[in-house]
N, C-alpha and C. Protein backbone atom coordinates (compact mmCIF):
# COMPACT_ATOMS: atom_id res chain seq x y z
N MET A 1 0.82 -1.19 0.00
CA MET A 1 0.00 0.00 0.00
C MET A 1 0.86 1.25 0.00
N GLY A 2 2.01 1.23 0.66
CA GLY A 2 2.90 2.38 0.70
C GLY A 2 3.44 2.73 -0.66
N VAL A 3 3.73 1.72 -1.49
CA VAL A 3 4.24 1.96 -2.83
C VAL A 3 3.17 2.63 -3.68
N ARG A 4 1.93 2.20 -3.52
CA ARG A 4 0.82 2.78 -4.28
C ARG A 4 0.62 4.25 -3.90
N ASN A 5 0.69 4.55 -2.59
CA ASN A 5 0.55 5.94 -2.14
C ASN A 5 1.72 6.80 -2.63
N GLN A 6 2.90 6.21 -2.63
CA GLN A 6 4.07 6.95 -3.09
C GLN A 6 3.94 7.26 -4.58
N ALA A 7 3.46 6.32 -5.36
CA ALA A 7 3.26 6.56 -6.80
C ALA A 7 2.20 7.64 -7.02
N ARG A 8 1.12 7.60 -6.22
CA ARG A 8 0.07 8.62 -6.32
C ARG A 8 0.63 9.99 -5.98
N ASP A 9 1.44 10.05 -4.91
CA ASP A 9 2.04 11.32 -4.51
C ASP A 9 2.96 11.87 -5.60
N MET A 10 3.73 11.01 -6.23
CA MET A 10 4.64 11.45 -7.28
C MET A 10 3.84 11.94 -8.50
N GLU A 11 2.76 11.25 -8.82
CA GLU A 11 1.92 11.67 -9.94
C GLU A 11 1.29 13.03 -9.65
N PHE A 12 0.79 13.20 -8.43
CA PHE A 12 0.19 14.48 -8.03
C PHE A 12 1.24 15.59 -8.07
N GLN A 13 2.42 15.32 -7.54
CA GLN A 13 3.49 16.31 -7.52
C GLN A 13 3.86 16.73 -8.94
N SER A 14 3.95 15.78 -9.83
CA SER A 14 4.26 16.07 -11.23
C SER A 14 3.17 16.95 -11.85
N PHE A 15 1.93 16.64 -11.56
CA PHE A 15 0.81 17.43 -12.06
C PHE A 15 0.92 18.87 -11.56
N VAL A 16 1.14 19.04 -10.27
CA VAL A 16 1.21 20.37 -9.67
C VAL A 16 2.36 21.17 -10.27
N ILE A 17 3.52 20.57 -10.38
CA ILE A 17 4.68 21.28 -10.94
C ILE A 17 4.41 21.71 -12.38
N GLY A 18 3.79 20.85 -13.15
CA GLY A 18 3.52 21.17 -14.55
C GLY A 18 2.42 22.19 -14.76
N ARG A 19 1.46 22.26 -13.84
CA ARG A 19 0.29 23.13 -14.03
C ARG A 19 0.29 24.38 -13.15
N TRP A 20 1.22 24.47 -12.20
CA TRP A 20 1.22 25.57 -11.25
C TRP A 20 1.13 26.95 -11.90
N PRO A 21 1.97 27.27 -12.89
CA PRO A 21 1.90 28.63 -13.46
C PRO A 21 0.52 28.95 -14.06
N ARG A 22 -0.05 28.01 -14.76
CA ARG A 22 -1.36 28.26 -15.38
C ARG A 22 -2.46 28.36 -14.33
N LEU A 23 -2.41 27.50 -13.31
CA LEU A 23 -3.39 27.58 -12.24
C LEU A 23 -3.28 28.92 -11.50
N MET A 24 -2.07 29.38 -11.26
CA MET A 24 -1.87 30.66 -10.58
C MET A 24 -2.39 31.81 -11.44
N ARG A 25 -2.14 31.76 -12.72
CA ARG A 25 -2.61 32.82 -13.60
C ARG A 25 -4.13 32.89 -13.59
N THR A 26 -4.77 31.75 -13.71
CA THR A 26 -6.23 31.72 -13.70
C THR A 26 -6.76 32.22 -12.37
N ALA A 27 -6.17 31.76 -11.28
CA ALA A 27 -6.62 32.18 -9.95
C ALA A 27 -6.41 33.68 -9.76
N PHE A 28 -5.29 34.21 -10.24
CA PHE A 28 -5.05 35.64 -10.12
C PHE A 28 -6.08 36.44 -10.90
N LEU A 29 -6.40 35.98 -12.09
CA LEU A 29 -7.39 36.70 -12.90
C LEU A 29 -8.77 36.62 -12.27
N LEU A 30 -9.06 35.55 -11.56
CA LEU A 30 -10.35 35.43 -10.90
C LEU A 30 -10.43 36.26 -9.63
N THR A 31 -9.35 36.25 -8.85
CA THR A 31 -9.38 36.93 -7.55
C THR A 31 -8.85 38.34 -7.61
N GLY A 32 -7.87 38.58 -8.48
CA GLY A 32 -7.29 39.90 -8.63
C GLY A 32 -6.22 40.25 -7.62
N GLU A 33 -5.85 39.33 -6.79
CA GLU A 33 -4.88 39.63 -5.75
C GLU A 33 -3.96 38.43 -5.58
N GLN A 34 -2.67 38.67 -5.56
CA GLN A 34 -1.68 37.59 -5.54
C GLN A 34 -1.88 36.62 -4.37
N HIS A 35 -2.06 37.15 -3.16
CA HIS A 35 -2.21 36.27 -2.00
C HIS A 35 -3.51 35.47 -2.08
N ALA A 36 -4.58 36.11 -2.53
CA ALA A 36 -5.86 35.41 -2.68
C ALA A 36 -5.74 34.32 -3.74
N ALA A 37 -4.98 34.60 -4.80
CA ALA A 37 -4.78 33.60 -5.85
C ALA A 37 -4.01 32.40 -5.31
N GLU A 38 -2.97 32.67 -4.53
CA GLU A 38 -2.19 31.58 -3.93
C GLU A 38 -3.06 30.75 -3.00
N ASP A 39 -3.88 31.41 -2.19
CA ASP A 39 -4.79 30.70 -1.29
C ASP A 39 -5.78 29.85 -2.08
N LEU A 40 -6.32 30.41 -3.16
CA LEU A 40 -7.29 29.68 -3.97
C LEU A 40 -6.67 28.44 -4.60
N VAL A 41 -5.48 28.57 -5.16
CA VAL A 41 -4.81 27.43 -5.77
C VAL A 41 -4.47 26.39 -4.70
N GLN A 42 -3.96 26.85 -3.57
CA GLN A 42 -3.59 25.90 -2.51
C GLN A 42 -4.81 25.15 -1.98
N SER A 43 -5.90 25.85 -1.72
CA SER A 43 -7.09 25.16 -1.21
C SER A 43 -7.67 24.22 -2.26
N THR A 44 -7.58 24.61 -3.52
CA THR A 44 -8.04 23.74 -4.61
C THR A 44 -7.20 22.47 -4.64
N LEU A 45 -5.89 22.63 -4.58
CA LEU A 45 -5.01 21.45 -4.63
C LEU A 45 -5.18 20.56 -3.40
N GLU A 46 -5.50 21.15 -2.25
CA GLU A 46 -5.78 20.34 -1.06
C GLU A 46 -6.99 19.44 -1.30
N ARG A 47 -8.04 20.03 -1.86
CA ARG A 47 -9.25 19.26 -2.15
C ARG A 47 -8.98 18.17 -3.19
N VAL A 48 -8.21 18.53 -4.20
CA VAL A 48 -7.93 17.60 -5.30
C VAL A 48 -7.04 16.46 -4.82
N TYR A 49 -6.08 16.76 -3.96
CA TYR A 49 -5.16 15.72 -3.48
C TYR A 49 -5.92 14.58 -2.80
N VAL A 50 -6.89 14.93 -2.00
CA VAL A 50 -7.67 13.92 -1.27
C VAL A 50 -8.34 12.95 -2.24
N ALA A 51 -8.74 13.46 -3.40
CA ALA A 51 -9.44 12.64 -4.39
C ALA A 51 -8.56 12.36 -5.61
N TRP A 52 -7.23 12.41 -5.46
CA TRP A 52 -6.35 12.33 -6.61
C TRP A 52 -6.52 11.03 -7.40
N ARG A 53 -6.81 9.95 -6.76
CA ARG A 53 -6.99 8.68 -7.48
C ARG A 53 -8.07 8.86 -8.55
N ARG A 54 -9.17 9.49 -8.18
CA ARG A 54 -10.27 9.73 -9.12
C ARG A 54 -9.90 10.84 -10.11
N VAL A 55 -9.32 11.91 -9.61
CA VAL A 55 -8.98 13.06 -10.46
C VAL A 55 -7.91 12.67 -11.47
N GLY A 56 -6.87 12.01 -11.02
CA GLY A 56 -5.77 11.61 -11.90
C GLY A 56 -6.19 10.67 -13.00
N SER A 57 -7.24 9.90 -12.77
CA SER A 57 -7.70 8.97 -13.80
C SER A 57 -8.80 9.57 -14.67
N ALA A 58 -9.17 10.82 -14.43
CA ALA A 58 -10.18 11.49 -15.25
C ALA A 58 -9.63 11.71 -16.65
N ASP A 59 -10.53 11.91 -17.61
CA ASP A 59 -10.11 12.16 -18.99
C ASP A 59 -9.22 13.39 -19.10
N ASP A 60 -9.55 14.42 -18.35
CA ASP A 60 -8.79 15.67 -18.38
C ASP A 60 -8.63 16.19 -16.95
N PRO A 61 -7.59 15.73 -16.25
CA PRO A 61 -7.41 16.15 -14.86
C PRO A 61 -7.31 17.67 -14.69
N GLU A 62 -6.71 18.35 -15.64
CA GLU A 62 -6.59 19.81 -15.53
C GLU A 62 -7.96 20.47 -15.56
N ALA A 63 -8.85 19.98 -16.40
CA ALA A 63 -10.21 20.53 -16.46
C ALA A 63 -10.94 20.27 -15.14
N TYR A 64 -10.72 19.10 -14.56
CA TYR A 64 -11.33 18.76 -13.28
C TYR A 64 -10.86 19.73 -12.20
N VAL A 65 -9.56 19.97 -12.15
CA VAL A 65 -8.98 20.86 -11.15
C VAL A 65 -9.49 22.29 -11.37
N ARG A 66 -9.56 22.71 -12.64
CA ARG A 66 -10.06 24.05 -12.94
C ARG A 66 -11.49 24.21 -12.44
N ARG A 67 -12.31 23.17 -12.62
CA ARG A 67 -13.70 23.22 -12.15
C ARG A 67 -13.75 23.35 -10.62
N VAL A 68 -12.91 22.61 -9.93
CA VAL A 68 -12.85 22.71 -8.48
C VAL A 68 -12.47 24.13 -8.07
N MET A 69 -11.50 24.73 -8.80
CA MET A 69 -11.06 26.08 -8.48
C MET A 69 -12.17 27.10 -8.74
N ILE A 70 -12.88 26.97 -9.84
CA ILE A 70 -13.98 27.89 -10.15
C ILE A 70 -15.06 27.78 -9.06
N ASN A 71 -15.39 26.56 -8.67
CA ASN A 71 -16.39 26.36 -7.62
C ASN A 71 -15.94 26.96 -6.29
N ALA A 72 -14.67 26.77 -5.95
CA ALA A 72 -14.15 27.32 -4.69
C ALA A 72 -14.20 28.85 -4.73
N HIS A 73 -13.85 29.41 -5.85
CA HIS A 73 -13.90 30.87 -5.98
C HIS A 73 -15.34 31.37 -5.89
N ALA A 74 -16.26 30.68 -6.51
CA ALA A 74 -17.67 31.08 -6.47
C ALA A 74 -18.20 31.02 -5.03
N ARG A 75 -17.80 29.99 -4.28
CA ARG A 75 -18.23 29.89 -2.88
C ARG A 75 -17.71 31.08 -2.08
N ARG A 76 -16.47 31.46 -2.30
CA ARG A 76 -15.90 32.59 -1.57
C ARG A 76 -16.64 33.87 -1.94
N HIS A 77 -16.96 34.01 -3.21
CA HIS A 77 -17.66 35.23 -3.64
C HIS A 77 -19.05 35.29 -3.03
N ARG A 78 -19.72 34.16 -2.96
CA ARG A 78 -21.06 34.14 -2.37
C ARG A 78 -21.02 34.56 -0.91
N ARG A 79 -19.90 34.33 -0.26
CA ARG A 79 -19.75 34.75 1.14
C ARG A 79 -19.44 36.23 1.24
N ARG A 80 -19.39 36.89 0.11
CA ARG A 80 -19.18 38.33 0.05
C ARG A 80 -17.80 38.77 0.54
N LEU A 81 -16.81 37.94 0.32
CA LEU A 81 -15.45 38.38 0.64
C LEU A 81 -15.05 39.44 -0.38
N LYS A 82 -14.40 40.46 0.10
CA LYS A 82 -14.04 41.56 -0.78
C LYS A 82 -12.86 41.15 -1.66
N GLU A 83 -12.99 41.43 -2.95
CA GLU A 83 -11.92 41.11 -3.89
C GLU A 83 -11.45 42.38 -4.58
N PHE A 84 -10.19 42.43 -4.88
CA PHE A 84 -9.64 43.53 -5.65
C PHE A 84 -8.84 42.92 -6.78
N LEU A 85 -9.13 43.32 -8.01
CA LEU A 85 -8.38 42.78 -9.13
C LEU A 85 -7.06 43.52 -9.30
N ALA A 86 -7.04 44.79 -9.00
CA ALA A 86 -5.80 45.55 -9.10
C ALA A 86 -5.63 46.37 -7.82
N PRO A 87 -4.67 45.99 -6.99
CA PRO A 87 -4.45 46.74 -5.75
C PRO A 87 -4.08 48.19 -6.07
N ARG A 88 -4.31 49.08 -5.13
CA ARG A 88 -3.97 50.50 -5.33
C ARG A 88 -2.48 50.64 -5.57
N ASP A 89 -1.73 49.82 -4.92
CA ASP A 89 -0.28 49.85 -5.06
C ASP A 89 0.10 48.56 -5.77
N ASP A 90 0.61 48.65 -6.99
CA ASP A 90 0.86 47.43 -7.76
C ASP A 90 2.21 46.78 -7.43
N SER A 91 2.84 47.17 -6.31
CA SER A 91 4.11 46.57 -5.95
C SER A 91 3.96 45.09 -5.61
N GLU A 92 2.74 44.66 -5.23
CA GLU A 92 2.53 43.25 -4.88
C GLU A 92 2.11 42.41 -6.07
N LEU A 93 1.83 43.04 -7.19
CA LEU A 93 1.40 42.29 -8.36
C LEU A 93 2.57 41.50 -8.92
N VAL A 94 2.30 40.29 -9.33
CA VAL A 94 3.29 39.51 -10.04
C VAL A 94 2.98 39.68 -11.51
N HIS A 95 3.92 40.27 -12.21
CA HIS A 95 3.68 40.53 -13.63
C HIS A 95 3.99 39.27 -14.40
N GLU A 96 2.96 38.73 -15.02
CA GLU A 96 3.13 37.47 -15.73
C GLU A 96 3.83 37.70 -17.05
N VAL A 97 4.52 36.69 -17.51
CA VAL A 97 5.11 36.71 -18.83
C VAL A 97 4.09 36.05 -19.73
N ALA A 98 3.66 36.78 -20.74
CA ALA A 98 2.59 36.30 -21.60
C ALA A 98 3.03 35.10 -22.43
N ASP A 99 2.09 34.20 -22.65
CA ASP A 99 2.33 33.08 -23.53
C ASP A 99 2.51 33.61 -24.95
N THR A 100 3.23 32.88 -25.77
CA THR A 100 3.37 33.26 -27.16
C THR A 100 1.99 33.24 -27.80
N GLY A 101 1.65 34.28 -28.53
CA GLY A 101 0.35 34.35 -29.18
C GLY A 101 -0.76 34.87 -28.29
N ASP A 102 -0.45 35.31 -27.09
CA ASP A 102 -1.44 35.83 -26.16
C ASP A 102 -1.87 37.21 -26.66
N ARG A 103 -3.08 37.30 -27.23
CA ARG A 103 -3.53 38.57 -27.81
C ARG A 103 -3.71 39.65 -26.76
N ILE A 104 -4.07 39.26 -25.57
CA ILE A 104 -4.26 40.26 -24.52
C ILE A 104 -2.93 40.91 -24.19
N ALA A 105 -1.83 40.17 -24.34
CA ALA A 105 -0.51 40.71 -24.06
C ALA A 105 -0.15 41.83 -25.03
N GLN A 106 -0.87 41.94 -26.13
CA GLN A 106 -0.58 42.99 -27.11
C GLN A 106 -1.00 44.36 -26.60
N ALA A 107 -1.88 44.42 -25.63
CA ALA A 107 -2.27 45.71 -25.07
C ALA A 107 -1.07 46.30 -24.33
N ASP A 108 -0.78 47.57 -24.57
CA ASP A 108 0.37 48.21 -23.93
C ASP A 108 0.21 48.30 -22.42
N ASP A 109 -0.97 48.51 -21.95
CA ASP A 109 -1.16 48.74 -20.53
C ASP A 109 -2.01 47.62 -19.94
N ARG A 110 -1.34 46.56 -19.49
CA ARG A 110 -2.07 45.42 -18.92
C ARG A 110 -2.78 45.82 -17.63
N GLY A 111 -2.24 46.81 -16.94
CA GLY A 111 -2.88 47.28 -15.71
C GLY A 111 -4.28 47.81 -16.00
N ALA A 112 -4.42 48.56 -17.09
CA ALA A 112 -5.74 49.08 -17.47
C ALA A 112 -6.69 47.94 -17.76
N LEU A 113 -6.19 46.90 -18.40
CA LEU A 113 -7.02 45.74 -18.71
C LEU A 113 -7.45 45.03 -17.43
N LEU A 114 -6.54 44.88 -16.48
CA LEU A 114 -6.88 44.22 -15.22
C LEU A 114 -7.90 45.03 -14.42
N LYS A 115 -7.74 46.36 -14.41
CA LYS A 115 -8.71 47.21 -13.73
C LYS A 115 -10.07 47.11 -14.38
N ALA A 116 -10.10 47.06 -15.71
CA ALA A 116 -11.36 46.92 -16.43
C ALA A 116 -12.00 45.58 -16.12
N LEU A 117 -11.19 44.54 -16.08
CA LEU A 117 -11.70 43.20 -15.78
C LEU A 117 -12.30 43.16 -14.39
N ALA A 118 -11.74 43.92 -13.46
CA ALA A 118 -12.23 43.97 -12.08
C ALA A 118 -13.64 44.53 -12.00
N GLN A 119 -14.04 45.31 -12.99
CA GLN A 119 -15.36 45.93 -12.98
C GLN A 119 -16.47 44.99 -13.43
N LEU A 120 -16.10 43.84 -13.97
CA LEU A 120 -17.10 42.88 -14.43
C LEU A 120 -17.70 42.10 -13.27
N PRO A 121 -18.96 41.73 -13.36
CA PRO A 121 -19.54 40.82 -12.37
C PRO A 121 -18.80 39.48 -12.42
N PRO A 122 -18.79 38.73 -11.33
CA PRO A 122 -17.99 37.50 -11.25
C PRO A 122 -18.23 36.50 -12.39
N ARG A 123 -19.47 36.23 -12.77
CA ARG A 123 -19.71 35.24 -13.82
C ARG A 123 -19.20 35.73 -15.18
N GLN A 124 -19.34 37.01 -15.44
CA GLN A 124 -18.82 37.56 -16.69
C GLN A 124 -17.30 37.52 -16.68
N ARG A 125 -16.71 37.84 -15.53
CA ARG A 125 -15.24 37.79 -15.40
C ARG A 125 -14.76 36.36 -15.64
N GLN A 126 -15.45 35.38 -15.02
CA GLN A 126 -15.05 33.99 -15.21
C GLN A 126 -15.12 33.61 -16.69
N ALA A 127 -16.21 33.96 -17.35
CA ALA A 127 -16.37 33.60 -18.76
C ALA A 127 -15.30 34.25 -19.63
N VAL A 128 -15.02 35.52 -19.39
CA VAL A 128 -14.01 36.23 -20.18
C VAL A 128 -12.63 35.63 -19.92
N VAL A 129 -12.30 35.39 -18.66
CA VAL A 129 -10.98 34.82 -18.32
C VAL A 129 -10.81 33.44 -18.96
N LEU A 130 -11.79 32.59 -18.80
CA LEU A 130 -11.66 31.22 -19.32
C LEU A 130 -11.66 31.18 -20.85
N ARG A 131 -12.50 32.00 -21.48
CA ARG A 131 -12.58 31.97 -22.95
C ARG A 131 -11.40 32.67 -23.61
N TYR A 132 -11.05 33.86 -23.13
CA TYR A 132 -10.09 34.68 -23.85
C TYR A 132 -8.69 34.68 -23.28
N TRP A 133 -8.55 34.47 -21.97
CA TRP A 133 -7.21 34.42 -21.40
C TRP A 133 -6.70 32.98 -21.38
N GLU A 134 -7.55 32.07 -20.98
CA GLU A 134 -7.16 30.67 -20.92
C GLU A 134 -7.40 29.96 -22.25
N ASP A 135 -8.10 30.62 -23.16
CA ASP A 135 -8.34 30.11 -24.51
C ASP A 135 -9.06 28.75 -24.50
N LEU A 136 -10.02 28.61 -23.58
CA LEU A 136 -10.81 27.39 -23.53
C LEU A 136 -11.94 27.49 -24.55
N THR A 137 -12.41 26.36 -25.01
CA THR A 137 -13.58 26.37 -25.88
C THR A 137 -14.80 26.71 -25.03
N GLU A 138 -15.91 27.02 -25.69
CA GLU A 138 -17.13 27.32 -24.93
C GLU A 138 -17.55 26.12 -24.09
N THR A 139 -17.40 24.93 -24.65
CA THR A 139 -17.76 23.71 -23.93
C THR A 139 -16.88 23.52 -22.70
N GLN A 140 -15.57 23.72 -22.85
CA GLN A 140 -14.66 23.58 -21.72
C GLN A 140 -14.95 24.62 -20.64
N ALA A 141 -15.22 25.85 -21.07
CA ALA A 141 -15.54 26.91 -20.11
C ALA A 141 -16.84 26.58 -19.38
N ALA A 142 -17.84 26.06 -20.11
CA ALA A 142 -19.12 25.69 -19.50
C ALA A 142 -18.91 24.60 -18.45
N GLU A 143 -18.07 23.63 -18.76
CA GLU A 143 -17.77 22.56 -17.80
C GLU A 143 -17.08 23.13 -16.57
N ALA A 144 -16.13 24.04 -16.77
CA ALA A 144 -15.40 24.64 -15.65
C ALA A 144 -16.32 25.49 -14.77
N MET A 145 -17.26 26.19 -15.41
CA MET A 145 -18.15 27.08 -14.67
C MET A 145 -19.39 26.37 -14.14
N GLY A 146 -19.62 25.15 -14.62
CA GLY A 146 -20.80 24.40 -14.18
C GLY A 146 -22.10 24.99 -14.71
N CYS A 147 -22.07 25.40 -15.96
CA CYS A 147 -23.26 26.00 -16.57
C CYS A 147 -23.36 25.55 -18.02
N SER A 148 -24.35 26.05 -18.72
CA SER A 148 -24.54 25.68 -20.11
C SER A 148 -23.61 26.48 -21.02
N VAL A 149 -23.44 25.99 -22.24
CA VAL A 149 -22.65 26.70 -23.23
C VAL A 149 -23.29 28.05 -23.52
N GLY A 150 -24.62 28.09 -23.55
CA GLY A 150 -25.33 29.33 -23.79
C GLY A 150 -25.04 30.37 -22.72
N ALA A 151 -24.93 29.93 -21.46
CA ALA A 151 -24.61 30.86 -20.38
C ALA A 151 -23.20 31.41 -20.53
N VAL A 152 -22.26 30.57 -20.98
CA VAL A 152 -20.90 31.03 -21.23
C VAL A 152 -20.91 32.07 -22.34
N LYS A 153 -21.60 31.76 -23.44
CA LYS A 153 -21.67 32.70 -24.56
C LYS A 153 -22.26 34.03 -24.11
N SER A 154 -23.34 33.98 -23.36
CA SER A 154 -24.02 35.18 -22.90
C SER A 154 -23.13 36.00 -21.97
N ASN A 155 -22.54 35.33 -20.97
CA ASN A 155 -21.68 36.04 -20.01
C ASN A 155 -20.43 36.60 -20.68
N ALA A 156 -19.83 35.84 -21.59
CA ALA A 156 -18.64 36.33 -22.29
C ALA A 156 -18.99 37.52 -23.18
N ALA A 157 -20.10 37.43 -23.89
CA ALA A 157 -20.50 38.54 -24.78
C ALA A 157 -20.80 39.80 -23.97
N LYS A 158 -21.51 39.65 -22.87
CA LYS A 158 -21.82 40.81 -22.03
C LYS A 158 -20.54 41.40 -21.42
N GLY A 159 -19.64 40.52 -20.99
CA GLY A 159 -18.38 40.98 -20.41
C GLY A 159 -17.53 41.73 -21.42
N ILE A 160 -17.41 41.17 -22.62
CA ILE A 160 -16.63 41.82 -23.67
C ILE A 160 -17.27 43.16 -24.05
N ALA A 161 -18.59 43.19 -24.13
CA ALA A 161 -19.29 44.45 -24.46
C ALA A 161 -19.00 45.51 -23.40
N LYS A 162 -19.00 45.11 -22.11
CA LYS A 162 -18.70 46.07 -21.04
C LYS A 162 -17.25 46.55 -21.13
N LEU A 163 -16.34 45.63 -21.44
CA LEU A 163 -14.94 46.02 -21.57
C LEU A 163 -14.76 46.99 -22.74
N ARG A 164 -15.43 46.72 -23.85
CA ARG A 164 -15.31 47.61 -25.02
C ARG A 164 -15.92 48.98 -24.76
N ALA A 165 -16.86 49.05 -23.83
CA ALA A 165 -17.53 50.32 -23.55
C ALA A 165 -16.72 51.22 -22.60
N LEU A 166 -15.66 50.71 -22.03
CA LEU A 166 -14.84 51.50 -21.11
C LEU A 166 -13.88 52.39 -21.90
N PRO A 167 -14.04 53.71 -21.81
CA PRO A 167 -13.23 54.63 -22.61
C PRO A 167 -11.72 54.47 -22.38
N GLY A 168 -11.29 54.36 -21.15
CA GLY A 168 -9.86 54.24 -20.87
C GLY A 168 -9.24 53.01 -21.49
N LEU A 169 -9.97 51.92 -21.51
CA LEU A 169 -9.46 50.68 -22.08
C LEU A 169 -9.38 50.79 -23.59
N VAL A 170 -10.41 51.35 -24.20
CA VAL A 170 -10.42 51.51 -25.66
C VAL A 170 -9.25 52.37 -26.10
N GLU A 171 -9.00 53.48 -25.38
CA GLU A 171 -7.89 54.36 -25.73
C GLU A 171 -6.55 53.65 -25.61
N THR A 172 -6.39 52.84 -24.59
CA THR A 172 -5.14 52.10 -24.40
C THR A 172 -4.91 51.16 -25.56
N VAL A 173 -5.96 50.45 -25.95
CA VAL A 173 -5.81 49.47 -27.04
C VAL A 173 -5.55 50.17 -28.35
N ILE A 174 -6.24 51.30 -28.62
CA ILE A 174 -6.05 52.02 -29.88
C ILE A 174 -4.65 52.64 -29.93
N GLU A 175 -4.21 53.26 -28.82
CA GLU A 175 -2.89 53.87 -28.78
C GLU A 175 -1.81 52.83 -29.00
N GLY A 176 -2.02 51.63 -28.53
CA GLY A 176 -1.04 50.57 -28.71
C GLY A 176 -1.05 50.00 -30.10
N GLY A 177 -1.97 50.46 -30.94
CA GLY A 177 -2.04 49.98 -32.31
C GLY A 177 -2.65 48.61 -32.45
N HIS A 178 -3.42 48.20 -31.47
CA HIS A 178 -3.97 46.84 -31.49
C HIS A 178 -5.49 46.85 -31.51
N LYS A 179 -6.08 47.79 -32.18
CA LYS A 179 -7.53 47.86 -32.23
C LYS A 179 -8.06 46.60 -32.90
N ARG A 180 -9.05 46.01 -32.27
CA ARG A 180 -9.63 44.77 -32.81
C ARG A 180 -10.60 45.07 -33.88
């Protein structure tokens, strides 16, 4: 039994090491604060570790973990914990290095984009983050959010419309030469 547990632990550790940056990025975009993102990822991984035998054998363990993280974040939001996407002092922000081909990285002022994202309601923020930052399909985003594909489409469209309506964000994107 010890060998089996050791193999499970090594498999889990390998998963965490390989997915940590992406999980942290998603958590940061959902919570808007580095420490809250770390807490969200850690609590998610604690829950997942307990069920790793089932999670590790799932068709897509990363999707399973993402769903657990979205649910954990939604529970925290329902409790009305205050979230800030962009702290007043950005000295605590961890500036991510954009993936190759990350269209959002083309905006000159990522801070303006993060502040704009903070203004979205939680479900719209989740849909926008999963669809456009994480580049998930509508089906994958729906699975992660625990809703229908139609709800993802609706929330993403409303979120994008709100982002496009923000004058400061539009000016940043146009000035950077990346008008969509």
